[in-house]
Amino acid sequence: GLYRRRIDRLVDEIRPLLAERLED
């Protein structure tokens, strides 16, 4: 289950980092 857990956490972390560019 390690892979999914790390991807889940990364997606949460990357949203504020990219902000308006998240879906660019």
PDBML (XML) file of the C-alpha atoms, coordinates in Angstrom:
<?xml version="1.0" encoding="UTF-8" ?>
<PDBx:datablock datablockName="MODEL"
   xmlns:PDBx="http://pdbml.pdb.org/schema/pdbx-v50.xsd"
   xmlns:xsi="http://www.w3.org/2001/XMLSchema-instance"
   xsi:schemaLocation="http://pdbml.pdb.org/schema/pdbx-v50.xsd pdbx-v50.xsd">
   <PDBx:atom_siteCategory>
      <PDBx:atom_site id="1">
         <PDBx:B_iso_or_equiv>0.00</PDBx:B_iso_or_equiv>
         <PDBx:Cartn_x>0.000</PDBx:Cartn_x>
         <PDBx:Cartn_y>0.000</PDBx:Cartn_y>
         <PDBx:Cartn_z>0.000</PDBx:Cartn_z>
         <PDBx:auth_asym_id>A</PDBx:auth_asym_id>
         <PDBx:auth_atom_id>CA</PDBx:auth_atom_id>
         <PDBx:auth_comp_id>GLY</PDBx:auth_comp_id>
         <PDBx:auth_seq_id>1</PDBx:auth_seq_id>
         <PDBx:group_PDB>ATOM</PDBx:group_PDB>
         <PDBx:label_alt_id xsi:nil="true" />
         <PDBx:label_asym_id>A</PDBx:label_asym_id>
         <PDBx:label_atom_id>CA</PDBx:label_atom_id>
         <PDBx:label_comp_id>GLY</PDBx:label_comp_id>
         <PDBx:label_entity_id>1</PDBx:label_entity_id>
         <PDBx:label_seq_id>1</PDBx:label_seq_id>
         <PDBx:occupancy>1.00</PDBx:occupancy>
         <PDBx:pdbx_PDB_model_num>1</PDBx:pdbx_PDB_model_num>
         <PDBx:type_symbol>C</PDBx:type_symbol>
      </PDBx:atom_site>
      <PDBx:atom_site id="2">
         <PDBx:B_iso_or_equiv>0.00</PDBx:B_iso_or_equiv>
         <PDBx:Cartn_x>3.017</PDBx:Cartn_x>
         <PDBx:Cartn_y>2.283</PDBx:Cartn_y>
         <PDBx:Cartn_z>0.136</PDBx:Cartn_z>
         <PDBx:auth_asym_id>A</PDBx:auth_asym_id>
         <PDBx:auth_atom_id>CA</PDBx:auth_atom_id>
         <PDBx:auth_comp_id>LEU</PDBx:auth_comp_id>
         <PDBx:auth_seq_id>2</PDBx:auth_seq_id>
         <PDBx:group_PDB>ATOM</PDBx:group_PDB>
         <PDBx:label_alt_id xsi:nil="true" />
         <PDBx:label_asym_id>A</PDBx:label_asym_id>
         <PDBx:label_atom_id>CA</PDBx:label_atom_id>
         <PDBx:label_comp_id>LEU</PDBx:label_comp_id>
         <PDBx:label_entity_id>1</PDBx:label_entity_id>
         <PDBx:label_seq_id>2</PDBx:label_seq_id>
         <PDBx:occupancy>1.00</PDBx:occupancy>
         <PDBx:pdbx_PDB_model_num>1</PDBx:pdbx_PDB_model_num>
         <PDBx:type_symbol>C</PDBx:type_symbol>
      </PDBx:atom_site>
      <PDBx:atom_site id="3">
         <PDBx:B_iso_or_equiv>0.00</PDBx:B_iso_or_equiv>
         <PDBx:Cartn_x>2.794</PDBx:Cartn_x>
         <PDBx:Cartn_y>3.592</PDBx:Cartn_y>
         <PDBx:Cartn_z>-3.440</PDBx:Cartn_z>
         <PDBx:auth_asym_id>A</PDBx:auth_asym_id>
         <PDBx:auth_atom_id>CA</PDBx:auth_atom_id>
         <PDBx:auth_comp_id>TYR</PDBx:auth_comp_id>
         <PDBx:auth_seq_id>3</PDBx:auth_seq_id>
         <PDBx:group_PDB>ATOM</PDBx:group_PDB>
         <PDBx:label_alt_id xsi:nil="true" />
         <PDBx:label_asym_id>A</PDBx:label_asym_id>
         <PDBx:label_atom_id>CA</PDBx:label_atom_id>
         <PDBx:label_comp_id>TYR</PDBx:label_comp_id>
         <PDBx:label_entity_id>1</PDBx:label_entity_id>
         <PDBx:label_seq_id>3</PDBx:label_seq_id>
         <PDBx:occupancy>1.00</PDBx:occupancy>
         <PDBx:pdbx_PDB_model_num>1</PDBx:pdbx_PDB_model_num>
         <PDBx:type_symbol>C</PDBx:type_symbol>
      </PDBx:atom_site>
      <PDBx:atom_site id="4">
         <PDBx:B_iso_or_equiv>0.00</PDBx:B_iso_or_equiv>
         <PDBx:Cartn_x>-0.801</PDBx:Cartn_x>
         <PDBx:Cartn_y>4.737</PDBx:Cartn_y>
         <PDBx:Cartn_z>-3.219</PDBx:Cartn_z>
         <PDBx:auth_asym_id>A</PDBx:auth_asym_id>
         <PDBx:auth_atom_id>CA</PDBx:auth_atom_id>
         <PDBx:auth_comp_id>ARG</PDBx:auth_comp_id>
         <PDBx:auth_seq_id>4</PDBx:auth_seq_id>
         <PDBx:group_PDB>ATOM</PDBx:group_PDB>
         <PDBx:label_alt_id xsi:nil="true" />
         <PDBx:label_asym_id>A</PDBx:label_asym_id>
         <PDBx:label_atom_id>CA</PDBx:label_atom_id>
         <PDBx:label_comp_id>ARG</PDBx:label_comp_id>
         <PDBx:label_entity_id>1</PDBx:label_entity_id>
         <PDBx:label_seq_id>4</PDBx:label_seq_id>
         <PDBx:occupancy>1.00</PDBx:occupancy>
         <PDBx:pdbx_PDB_model_num>1</PDBx:pdbx_PDB_model_num>
         <PDBx:type_symbol>C</PDBx:type_symbol>
      </PDBx:atom_site>
      <PDBx:atom_site id="5">
         <PDBx:B_iso_or_equiv>0.00</PDBx:B_iso_or_equiv>
         <PDBx:Cartn_x>-0.255</PDBx:Cartn_x>
         <PDBx:Cartn_y>6.385</PDBx:Cartn_y>
         <PDBx:Cartn_z>0.151</PDBx:Cartn_z>
         <PDBx:auth_asym_id>A</PDBx:auth_asym_id>
         <PDBx:auth_atom_id>CA</PDBx:auth_atom_id>
         <PDBx:auth_comp_id>ARG</PDBx:auth_comp_id>
         <PDBx:auth_seq_id>5</PDBx:auth_seq_id>
         <PDBx:group_PDB>ATOM</PDBx:group_PDB>
         <PDBx:label_alt_id xsi:nil="true" />
         <PDBx:label_asym_id>A</PDBx:label_asym_id>
         <PDBx:label_atom_id>CA</PDBx:label_atom_id>
         <PDBx:label_comp_id>ARG</PDBx:label_comp_id>
         <PDBx:label_entity_id>1</PDBx:label_entity_id>
         <PDBx:label_seq_id>5</PDBx:label_seq_id>
         <PDBx:occupancy>1.00</PDBx:occupancy>
         <PDBx:pdbx_PDB_model_num>1</PDBx:pdbx_PDB_model_num>
         <PDBx:type_symbol>C</PDBx:type_symbol>
      </PDBx:atom_site>
      <PDBx:atom_site id="6">
         <PDBx:B_iso_or_equiv>0.00</PDBx:B_iso_or_equiv>
         <PDBx:Cartn_x>2.724</PDBx:Cartn_x>
         <PDBx:Cartn_y>8.366</PDBx:Cartn_y>
         <PDBx:Cartn_z>-1.122</PDBx:Cartn_z>
         <PDBx:auth_asym_id>A</PDBx:auth_asym_id>
         <PDBx:auth_atom_id>CA</PDBx:auth_atom_id>
         <PDBx:auth_comp_id>ARG</PDBx:auth_comp_id>
         <PDBx:auth_seq_id>6</PDBx:auth_seq_id>
         <PDBx:group_PDB>ATOM</PDBx:group_PDB>
         <PDBx:label_alt_id xsi:nil="true" />
         <PDBx:label_asym_id>A</PDBx:label_asym_id>
         <PDBx:label_atom_id>CA</PDBx:label_atom_id>
         <PDBx:label_comp_id>ARG</PDBx:label_comp_id>
         <PDBx:label_entity_id>1</PDBx:label_entity_id>
         <PDBx:label_seq_id>6</PDBx:label_seq_id>
         <PDBx:occupancy>1.00</PDBx:occupancy>
         <PDBx:pdbx_PDB_model_num>1</PDBx:pdbx_PDB_model_num>
         <PDBx:type_symbol>C</PDBx:type_symbol>
      </PDBx:atom_site>
      <PDBx:atom_site id="7">
         <PDBx:B_iso_or_equiv>0.00</PDBx:B_iso_or_equiv>
         <PDBx:Cartn_x>0.902</PDBx:Cartn_x>
         <PDBx:Cartn_y>9.473</PDBx:Cartn_y>
         <PDBx:Cartn_z>-4.278</PDBx:Cartn_z>
         <PDBx:auth_asym_id>A</PDBx:auth_asym_id>
         <PDBx:auth_atom_id>CA</PDBx:auth_atom_id>
         <PDBx:auth_comp_id>ILE</PDBx:auth_comp_id>
         <PDBx:auth_seq_id>7</PDBx:auth_seq_id>
         <PDBx:group_PDB>ATOM</PDBx:group_PDB>
         <PDBx:label_alt_id xsi:nil="true" />
         <PDBx:label_asym_id>A</PDBx:label_asym_id>
         <PDBx:label_atom_id>CA</PDBx:label_atom_id>
         <PDBx:label_comp_id>ILE</PDBx:label_comp_id>
         <PDBx:label_entity_id>1</PDBx:label_entity_id>
         <PDBx:label_seq_id>7</PDBx:label_seq_id>
         <PDBx:occupancy>1.00</PDBx:occupancy>
         <PDBx:pdbx_PDB_model_num>1</PDBx:pdbx_PDB_model_num>
         <PDBx:type_symbol>C</PDBx:type_symbol>
      </PDBx:atom_site>
      <PDBx:atom_site id="8">
         <PDBx:B_iso_or_equiv>0.00</PDBx:B_iso_or_equiv>
         <PDBx:Cartn_x>-2.110</PDBx:Cartn_x>
         <PDBx:Cartn_y>10.567</PDBx:Cartn_y>
         <PDBx:Cartn_z>-2.204</PDBx:Cartn_z>
         <PDBx:auth_asym_id>A</PDBx:auth_asym_id>
         <PDBx:auth_atom_id>CA</PDBx:auth_atom_id>
         <PDBx:auth_comp_id>ASP</PDBx:auth_comp_id>
         <PDBx:auth_seq_id>8</PDBx:auth_seq_id>
         <PDBx:group_PDB>ATOM</PDBx:group_PDB>
         <PDBx:label_alt_id xsi:nil="true" />
         <PDBx:label_asym_id>A</PDBx:label_asym_id>
         <PDBx:label_atom_id>CA</PDBx:label_atom_id>
         <PDBx:label_comp_id>ASP</PDBx:label_comp_id>
         <PDBx:label_entity_id>1</PDBx:label_entity_id>
         <PDBx:label_seq_id>8</PDBx:label_seq_id>
         <PDBx:occupancy>1.00</PDBx:occupancy>
         <PDBx:pdbx_PDB_model_num>1</PDBx:pdbx_PDB_model_num>
         <PDBx:type_symbol>C</PDBx:type_symbol>
      </PDBx:atom_site>
      <PDBx:atom_site id="9">
         <PDBx:B_iso_or_equiv>0.00</PDBx:B_iso_or_equiv>
         <PDBx:Cartn_x>0.113</PDBx:Cartn_x>
         <PDBx:Cartn_y>12.644</PDBx:Cartn_y>
         <PDBx:Cartn_z>0.064</PDBx:Cartn_z>
         <PDBx:auth_asym_id>A</PDBx:auth_asym_id>
         <PDBx:auth_atom_id>CA</PDBx:auth_atom_id>
         <PDBx:auth_comp_id>ARG</PDBx:auth_comp_id>
         <PDBx:auth_seq_id>9</PDBx:auth_seq_id>
         <PDBx:group_PDB>ATOM</PDBx:group_PDB>
         <PDBx:label_alt_id xsi:nil="true" />
         <PDBx:label_asym_id>A</PDBx:label_asym_id>
         <PDBx:label_atom_id>CA</PDBx:label_atom_id>
         <PDBx:label_comp_id>ARG</PDBx:label_comp_id>
         <PDBx:label_entity_id>1</PDBx:label_entity_id>
         <PDBx:label_seq_id>9</PDBx:label_seq_id>
         <PDBx:occupancy>1.00</PDBx:occupancy>
         <PDBx:pdbx_PDB_model_num>1</PDBx:pdbx_PDB_model_num>
         <PDBx:type_symbol>C</PDBx:type_symbol>
      </PDBx:atom_site>
      <PDBx:atom_site id="10">
         <PDBx:B_iso_or_equiv>0.00</PDBx:B_iso_or_equiv>
         <PDBx:Cartn_x>2.028</PDBx:Cartn_x>
         <PDBx:Cartn_y>14.154</PDBx:Cartn_y>
         <PDBx:Cartn_z>-2.852</PDBx:Cartn_z>
         <PDBx:auth_asym_id>A</PDBx:auth_asym_id>
         <PDBx:auth_atom_id>CA</PDBx:auth_atom_id>
         <PDBx:auth_comp_id>LEU</PDBx:auth_comp_id>
         <PDBx:auth_seq_id>10</PDBx:auth_seq_id>
         <PDBx:group_PDB>ATOM</PDBx:group_PDB>
         <PDBx:label_alt_id xsi:nil="true" />
         <PDBx:label_asym_id>A</PDBx:label_asym_id>
         <PDBx:label_atom_id>CA</PDBx:label_atom_id>
         <PDBx:label_comp_id>LEU</PDBx:label_comp_id>
         <PDBx:label_entity_id>1</PDBx:label_entity_id>
         <PDBx:label_seq_id>10</PDBx:label_seq_id>
         <PDBx:occupancy>1.00</PDBx:occupancy>
         <PDBx:pdbx_PDB_model_num>1</PDBx:pdbx_PDB_model_num>
         <PDBx:type_symbol>C</PDBx:type_symbol>
      </PDBx:atom_site>
      <PDBx:atom_site id="11">
         <PDBx:B_iso_or_equiv>0.00</PDBx:B_iso_or_equiv>
         <PDBx:Cartn_x>-1.123</PDBx:Cartn_x>
         <PDBx:Cartn_y>15.280</PDBx:Cartn_y>
         <PDBx:Cartn_z>-4.652</PDBx:Cartn_z>
         <PDBx:auth_asym_id>A</PDBx:auth_asym_id>
         <PDBx:auth_atom_id>CA</PDBx:auth_atom_id>
         <PDBx:auth_comp_id>VAL</PDBx:auth_comp_id>
         <PDBx:auth_seq_id>11</PDBx:auth_seq_id>
         <PDBx:group_PDB>ATOM</PDBx:group_PDB>
         <PDBx:label_alt_id xsi:nil="true" />
         <PDBx:label_asym_id>A</PDBx:label_asym_id>
         <PDBx:label_atom_id>CA</PDBx:label_atom_id>
         <PDBx:label_comp_id>VAL</PDBx:label_comp_id>
         <PDBx:label_entity_id>1</PDBx:label_entity_id>
         <PDBx:label_seq_id>11</PDBx:label_seq_id>
         <PDBx:occupancy>1.00</PDBx:occupancy>
         <PDBx:pdbx_PDB_model_num>1</PDBx:pdbx_PDB_model_num>
         <PDBx:type_symbol>C</PDBx:type_symbol>
      </PDBx:atom_site>
      <PDBx:atom_site id="12">
         <PDBx:B_iso_or_equiv>0.00</PDBx:B_iso_or_equiv>
         <PDBx:Cartn_x>-2.240</PDBx:Cartn_x>
         <PDBx:Cartn_y>17.063</PDBx:Cartn_y>
         <PDBx:Cartn_z>-1.472</PDBx:Cartn_z>
         <PDBx:auth_asym_id>A</PDBx:auth_asym_id>
         <PDBx:auth_atom_id>CA</PDBx:auth_atom_id>
         <PDBx:auth_comp_id>ASP</PDBx:auth_comp_id>
         <PDBx:auth_seq_id>12</PDBx:auth_seq_id>
         <PDBx:group_PDB>ATOM</PDBx:group_PDB>
         <PDBx:label_alt_id xsi:nil="true" />
         <PDBx:label_asym_id>A</PDBx:label_asym_id>
         <PDBx:label_atom_id>CA</PDBx:label_atom_id>
         <PDBx:label_comp_id>ASP</PDBx:label_comp_id>
         <PDBx:label_entity_id>1</PDBx:label_entity_id>
         <PDBx:label_seq_id>12</PDBx:label_seq_id>
         <PDBx:occupancy>1.00</PDBx:occupancy>
         <PDBx:pdbx_PDB_model_num>1</PDBx:pdbx_PDB_model_num>
         <PDBx:type_symbol>C</PDBx:type_symbol>
      </PDBx:atom_site>
      <PDBx:atom_site id="13">
         <PDBx:B_iso_or_equiv>0.00</PDBx:B_iso_or_equiv>
         <PDBx:Cartn_x>1.193</PDBx:Cartn_x>
         <PDBx:Cartn_y>18.675</PDBx:Cartn_y>
         <PDBx:Cartn_z>-1.159</PDBx:Cartn_z>
         <PDBx:auth_asym_id>A</PDBx:auth_asym_id>
         <PDBx:auth_atom_id>CA</PDBx:auth_atom_id>
         <PDBx:auth_comp_id>GLU</PDBx:auth_comp_id>
         <PDBx:auth_seq_id>13</PDBx:auth_seq_id>
         <PDBx:group_PDB>ATOM</PDBx:group_PDB>
         <PDBx:label_alt_id xsi:nil="true" />
         <PDBx:label_asym_id>A</PDBx:label_asym_id>
         <PDBx:label_atom_id>CA</PDBx:label_atom_id>
         <PDBx:label_comp_id>GLU</PDBx:label_comp_id>
         <PDBx:label_entity_id>1</PDBx:label_entity_id>
         <PDBx:label_seq_id>13</PDBx:label_seq_id>
         <PDBx:occupancy>1.00</PDBx:occupancy>
         <PDBx:pdbx_PDB_model_num>1</PDBx:pdbx_PDB_model_num>
         <PDBx:type_symbol>C</PDBx:type_symbol>
      </PDBx:atom_site>
      <PDBx:atom_site id="14">
         <PDBx:B_iso_or_equiv>0.00</PDBx:B_iso_or_equiv>
         <PDBx:Cartn_x>1.470</PDBx:Cartn_x>
         <PDBx:Cartn_y>19.773</PDBx:Cartn_y>
         <PDBx:Cartn_z>-4.757</PDBx:Cartn_z>
         <PDBx:auth_asym_id>A</PDBx:auth_asym_id>
         <PDBx:auth_atom_id>CA</PDBx:auth_atom_id>
         <PDBx:auth_comp_id>ILE</PDBx:auth_comp_id>
         <PDBx:auth_seq_id>14</PDBx:auth_seq_id>
         <PDBx:group_PDB>ATOM</PDBx:group_PDB>
         <PDBx:label_alt_id xsi:nil="true" />
         <PDBx:label_asym_id>A</PDBx:label_asym_id>
         <PDBx:label_atom_id>CA</PDBx:label_atom_id>
         <PDBx:label_comp_id>ILE</PDBx:label_comp_id>
         <PDBx:label_entity_id>1</PDBx:label_entity_id>
         <PDBx:label_seq_id>14</PDBx:label_seq_id>
         <PDBx:occupancy>1.00</PDBx:occupancy>
         <PDBx:pdbx_PDB_model_num>1</PDBx:pdbx_PDB_model_num>
         <PDBx:type_symbol>C</PDBx:type_symbol>
      </PDBx:atom_site>
      <PDBx:atom_site id="15">
         <PDBx:B_iso_or_equiv>0.00</PDBx:B_iso_or_equiv>
         <PDBx:Cartn_x>-1.872</PDBx:Cartn_x>
         <PDBx:Cartn_y>21.586</PDBx:Cartn_y>
         <PDBx:Cartn_z>-4.975</PDBx:Cartn_z>
         <PDBx:auth_asym_id>A</PDBx:auth_asym_id>
         <PDBx:auth_atom_id>CA</PDBx:auth_atom_id>
         <PDBx:auth_comp_id>ARG</PDBx:auth_comp_id>
         <PDBx:auth_seq_id>15</PDBx:auth_seq_id>
         <PDBx:group_PDB>ATOM</PDBx:group_PDB>
         <PDBx:label_alt_id xsi:nil="true" />
         <PDBx:label_asym_id>A</PDBx:label_asym_id>
         <PDBx:label_atom_id>CA</PDBx:label_atom_id>
         <PDBx:label_comp_id>ARG</PDBx:label_comp_id>
         <PDBx:label_entity_id>1</PDBx:label_entity_id>
         <PDBx:label_seq_id>15</PDBx:label_seq_id>
         <PDBx:occupancy>1.00</PDBx:occupancy>
         <PDBx:pdbx_PDB_model_num>1</PDBx:pdbx_PDB_model_num>
         <PDBx:type_symbol>C</PDBx:type_symbol>
      </PDBx:atom_site>
      <PDBx:atom_site id="16">
         <PDBx:B_iso_or_equiv>0.00</PDBx:B_iso_or_equiv>
         <PDBx:Cartn_x>-0.800</PDBx:Cartn_x>
         <PDBx:Cartn_y>24.646</PDBx:Cartn_y>
         <PDBx:Cartn_z>-2.960</PDBx:Cartn_z>
         <PDBx:auth_asym_id>A</PDBx:auth_asym_id>
         <PDBx:auth_atom_id>CA</PDBx:auth_atom_id>
         <PDBx:auth_comp_id>PRO</PDBx:auth_comp_id>
         <PDBx:auth_seq_id>16</PDBx:auth_seq_id>
         <PDBx:group_PDB>ATOM</PDBx:group_PDB>
         <PDBx:label_alt_id xsi:nil="true" />
         <PDBx:label_asym_id>A</PDBx:label_asym_id>
         <PDBx:label_atom_id>CA</PDBx:label_atom_id>
         <PDBx:label_comp_id>PRO</PDBx:label_comp_id>
         <PDBx:label_entity_id>1</PDBx:label_entity_id>
         <PDBx:label_seq_id>16</PDBx:label_seq_id>
         <PDBx:occupancy>1.00</PDBx:occupancy>
         <PDBx:pdbx_PDB_model_num>1</PDBx:pdbx_PDB_model_num>
         <PDBx:type_symbol>C</PDBx:type_symbol>
      </PDBx:atom_site>
      <PDBx:atom_site id="17">
         <PDBx:B_iso_or_equiv>0.00</PDBx:B_iso_or_equiv>
         <PDBx:Cartn_x>2.679</PDBx:Cartn_x>
         <PDBx:Cartn_y>24.591</PDBx:Cartn_y>
         <PDBx:Cartn_z>-4.542</PDBx:Cartn_z>
         <PDBx:auth_asym_id>A</PDBx:auth_asym_id>
         <PDBx:auth_atom_id>CA</PDBx:auth_atom_id>
         <PDBx:auth_comp_id>LEU</PDBx:auth_comp_id>
         <PDBx:auth_seq_id>17</PDBx:auth_seq_id>
         <PDBx:group_PDB>ATOM</PDBx:group_PDB>
         <PDBx:label_alt_id xsi:nil="true" />
         <PDBx:label_asym_id>A</PDBx:label_asym_id>
         <PDBx:label_atom_id>CA</PDBx:label_atom_id>
         <PDBx:label_comp_id>LEU</PDBx:label_comp_id>
         <PDBx:label_entity_id>1</PDBx:label_entity_id>
         <PDBx:label_seq_id>17</PDBx:label_seq_id>
         <PDBx:occupancy>1.00</PDBx:occupancy>
         <PDBx:pdbx_PDB_model_num>1</PDBx:pdbx_PDB_model_num>
         <PDBx:type_symbol>C</PDBx:type_symbol>
      </PDBx:atom_site>
      <PDBx:atom_site id="18">
         <PDBx:B_iso_or_equiv>0.00</PDBx:B_iso_or_equiv>
         <PDBx:Cartn_x>1.310</PDBx:Cartn_x>
         <PDBx:Cartn_y>24.966</PDBx:Cartn_y>
         <PDBx:Cartn_z>-8.054</PDBx:Cartn_z>
         <PDBx:auth_asym_id>A</PDBx:auth_asym_id>
         <PDBx:auth_atom_id>CA</PDBx:auth_atom_id>
         <PDBx:auth_comp_id>LEU</PDBx:auth_comp_id>
         <PDBx:auth_seq_id>18</PDBx:auth_seq_id>
         <PDBx:group_PDB>ATOM</PDBx:group_PDB>
         <PDBx:label_alt_id xsi:nil="true" />
         <PDBx:label_asym_id>A</PDBx:label_asym_id>
         <PDBx:label_atom_id>CA</PDBx:label_atom_id>
         <PDBx:label_comp_id>LEU</PDBx:label_comp_id>
         <PDBx:label_entity_id>1</PDBx:label_entity_id>
         <PDBx:label_seq_id>18</PDBx:label_seq_id>
         <PDBx:occupancy>1.00</PDBx:occupancy>
         <PDBx:pdbx_PDB_model_num>1</PDBx:pdbx_PDB_model_num>
         <PDBx:type_symbol>C</PDBx:type_symbol>
      </PDBx:atom_site>
      <PDBx:atom_site id="19">
         <PDBx:B_iso_or_equiv>0.00</PDBx:B_iso_or_equiv>
         <PDBx:Cartn_x>-1.816</PDBx:Cartn_x>
         <PDBx:Cartn_y>26.942</PDBx:Cartn_y>
         <PDBx:Cartn_z>-7.094</PDBx:Cartn_z>
         <PDBx:auth_asym_id>A</PDBx:auth_asym_id>
         <PDBx:auth_atom_id>CA</PDBx:auth_atom_id>
         <PDBx:auth_comp_id>ALA</PDBx:auth_comp_id>
         <PDBx:auth_seq_id>19</PDBx:auth_seq_id>
         <PDBx:group_PDB>ATOM</PDBx:group_PDB>
         <PDBx:label_alt_id xsi:nil="true" />
         <PDBx:label_asym_id>A</PDBx:label_asym_id>
         <PDBx:label_atom_id>CA</PDBx:label_atom_id>
         <PDBx:label_comp_id>ALA</PDBx:label_comp_id>
         <PDBx:label_entity_id>1</PDBx:label_entity_id>
         <PDBx:label_seq_id>19</PDBx:label_seq_id>
         <PDBx:occupancy>1.00</PDBx:occupancy>
         <PDBx:pdbx_PDB_model_num>1</PDBx:pdbx_PDB_model_num>
         <PDBx:type_symbol>C</PDBx:type_symbol>
      </PDBx:atom_site>
      <PDBx:atom_site id="20">
         <PDBx:B_iso_or_equiv>0.00</PDBx:B_iso_or_equiv>
         <PDBx:Cartn_x>-3.371</PDBx:Cartn_x>
         <PDBx:Cartn_y>28.366</PDBx:Cartn_y>
         <PDBx:Cartn_z>-10.282</PDBx:Cartn_z>
         <PDBx:auth_asym_id>A</PDBx:auth_asym_id>
         <PDBx:auth_atom_id>CA</PDBx:auth_atom_id>
         <PDBx:auth_comp_id>GLU</PDBx:auth_comp_id>
         <PDBx:auth_seq_id>20</PDBx:auth_seq_id>
         <PDBx:group_PDB>ATOM</PDBx:group_PDB>
         <PDBx:label_alt_id xsi:nil="true" />
         <PDBx:label_asym_id>A</PDBx:label_asym_id>
         <PDBx:label_atom_id>CA</PDBx:label_atom_id>
         <PDBx:label_comp_id>GLU</PDBx:label_comp_id>
         <PDBx:label_entity_id>1</PDBx:label_entity_id>
         <PDBx:label_seq_id>20</PDBx:label_seq_id>
         <PDBx:occupancy>1.00</PDBx:occupancy>
         <PDBx:pdbx_PDB_model_num>1</PDBx:pdbx_PDB_model_num>
         <PDBx:type_symbol>C</PDBx:type_symbol>
      </PDBx:atom_site>
      <PDBx:atom_site id="21">
         <PDBx:B_iso_or_equiv>0.00</PDBx:B_iso_or_equiv>
         <PDBx:Cartn_x>-0.962</PDBx:Cartn_x>
         <PDBx:Cartn_y>26.304</PDBx:Cartn_y>
         <PDBx:Cartn_z>-12.412</PDBx:Cartn_z>
         <PDBx:auth_asym_id>A</PDBx:auth_asym_id>
         <PDBx:auth_atom_id>CA</PDBx:auth_atom_id>
         <PDBx:auth_comp_id>ARG</PDBx:auth_comp_id>
         <PDBx:auth_seq_id>21</PDBx:auth_seq_id>
         <PDBx:group_PDB>ATOM</PDBx:group_PDB>
         <PDBx:label_alt_id xsi:nil="true" />
         <PDBx:label_asym_id>A</PDBx:label_asym_id>
         <PDBx:label_atom_id>CA</PDBx:label_atom_id>
         <PDBx:label_comp_id>ARG</PDBx:label_comp_id>
         <PDBx:label_entity_id>1</PDBx:label_entity_id>
         <PDBx:label_seq_id>21</PDBx:label_seq_id>
         <PDBx:occupancy>1.00</PDBx:occupancy>
         <PDBx:pdbx_PDB_model_num>1</PDBx:pdbx_PDB_model_num>
         <PDBx:type_symbol>C</PDBx:type_symbol>
      </PDBx:atom_site>
      <PDBx:atom_site id="22">
         <PDBx:B_iso_or_equiv>0.00</PDBx:B_iso_or_equiv>
         <PDBx:Cartn_x>-2.195</PDBx:Cartn_x>
         <PDBx:Cartn_y>22.983</PDBx:Cartn_y>
         <PDBx:Cartn_z>-10.999</PDBx:Cartn_z>
         <PDBx:auth_asym_id>A</PDBx:auth_asym_id>
         <PDBx:auth_atom_id>CA</PDBx:auth_atom_id>
         <PDBx:auth_comp_id>LEU</PDBx:auth_comp_id>
         <PDBx:auth_seq_id>22</PDBx:auth_seq_id>
         <PDBx:group_PDB>ATOM</PDBx:group_PDB>
         <PDBx:label_alt_id xsi:nil="true" />
         <PDBx:label_asym_id>A</PDBx:label_asym_id>
         <PDBx:label_atom_id>CA</PDBx:label_atom_id>
         <PDBx:label_comp_id>LEU</PDBx:label_comp_id>
         <PDBx:label_entity_id>1</PDBx:label_entity_id>
         <PDBx:label_seq_id>22</PDBx:label_seq_id>
         <PDBx:occupancy>1.00</PDBx:occupancy>
         <PDBx:pdbx_PDB_model_num>1</PDBx:pdbx_PDB_model_num>
         <PDBx:type_symbol>C</PDBx:type_symbol>
      </PDBx:atom_site>
      <PDBx:atom_site id="23">
         <PDBx:B_iso_or_equiv>0.00</PDBx:B_iso_or_equiv>
         <PDBx:Cartn_x>-4.193</PDBx:Cartn_x>
         <PDBx:Cartn_y>22.089</PDBx:Cartn_y>
         <PDBx:Cartn_z>-14.113</PDBx:Cartn_z>
         <PDBx:auth_asym_id>A</PDBx:auth_asym_id>
         <PDBx:auth_atom_id>CA</PDBx:auth_atom_id>
         <PDBx:auth_comp_id>GLU</PDBx:auth_comp_id>
         <PDBx:auth_seq_id>23</PDBx:auth_seq_id>
         <PDBx:group_PDB>ATOM</PDBx:group_PDB>
         <PDBx:label_alt_id xsi:nil="true" />
         <PDBx:label_asym_id>A</PDBx:label_asym_id>
         <PDBx:label_atom_id>CA</PDBx:label_atom_id>
         <PDBx:label_comp_id>GLU</PDBx:label_comp_id>
         <PDBx:label_entity_id>1</PDBx:label_entity_id>
         <PDBx:label_seq_id>23</PDBx:label_seq_id>
         <PDBx:occupancy>1.00</PDBx:occupancy>
         <PDBx:pdbx_PDB_model_num>1</PDBx:pdbx_PDB_model_num>
         <PDBx:type_symbol>C</PDBx:type_symbol>
      </PDBx:atom_site>
      <PDBx:atom_site id="24">
         <PDBx:B_iso_or_equiv>0.00</PDBx:B_iso_or_equiv>
         <PDBx:Cartn_x>-2.119</PDBx:Cartn_x>
         <PDBx:Cartn_y>24.083</PDBx:Cartn_y>
         <PDBx:Cartn_z>-16.587</PDBx:Cartn_z>
         <PDBx:auth_asym_id>A</PDBx:auth_asym_id>
         <PDBx:auth_atom_id>CA</PDBx:auth_atom_id>
         <PDBx:auth_comp_id>ASP</PDBx:auth_comp_id>
         <PDBx:auth_seq_id>24</PDBx:auth_seq_id>
         <PDBx:group_PDB>ATOM</PDBx:group_PDB>
         <PDBx:label_alt_id xsi:nil="true" />
         <PDBx:label_asym_id>A</PDBx:label_asym_id>
         <PDBx:label_atom_id>CA</PDBx:label_atom_id>
         <PDBx:label_comp_id>ASP</PDBx:label_comp_id>
         <PDBx:label_entity_id>1</PDBx:label_entity_id>
         <PDBx:label_seq_id>24</PDBx:label_seq_id>
         <PDBx:occupancy>1.00</PDBx:occupancy>
         <PDBx:pdbx_PDB_model_num>1</PDBx:pdbx_PDB_model_num>
         <PDBx:type_symbol>C</PDBx:type_symbol>
      </PDBx:atom_site>
   </PDBx:atom_siteCategory>
</PDBx:datablock>
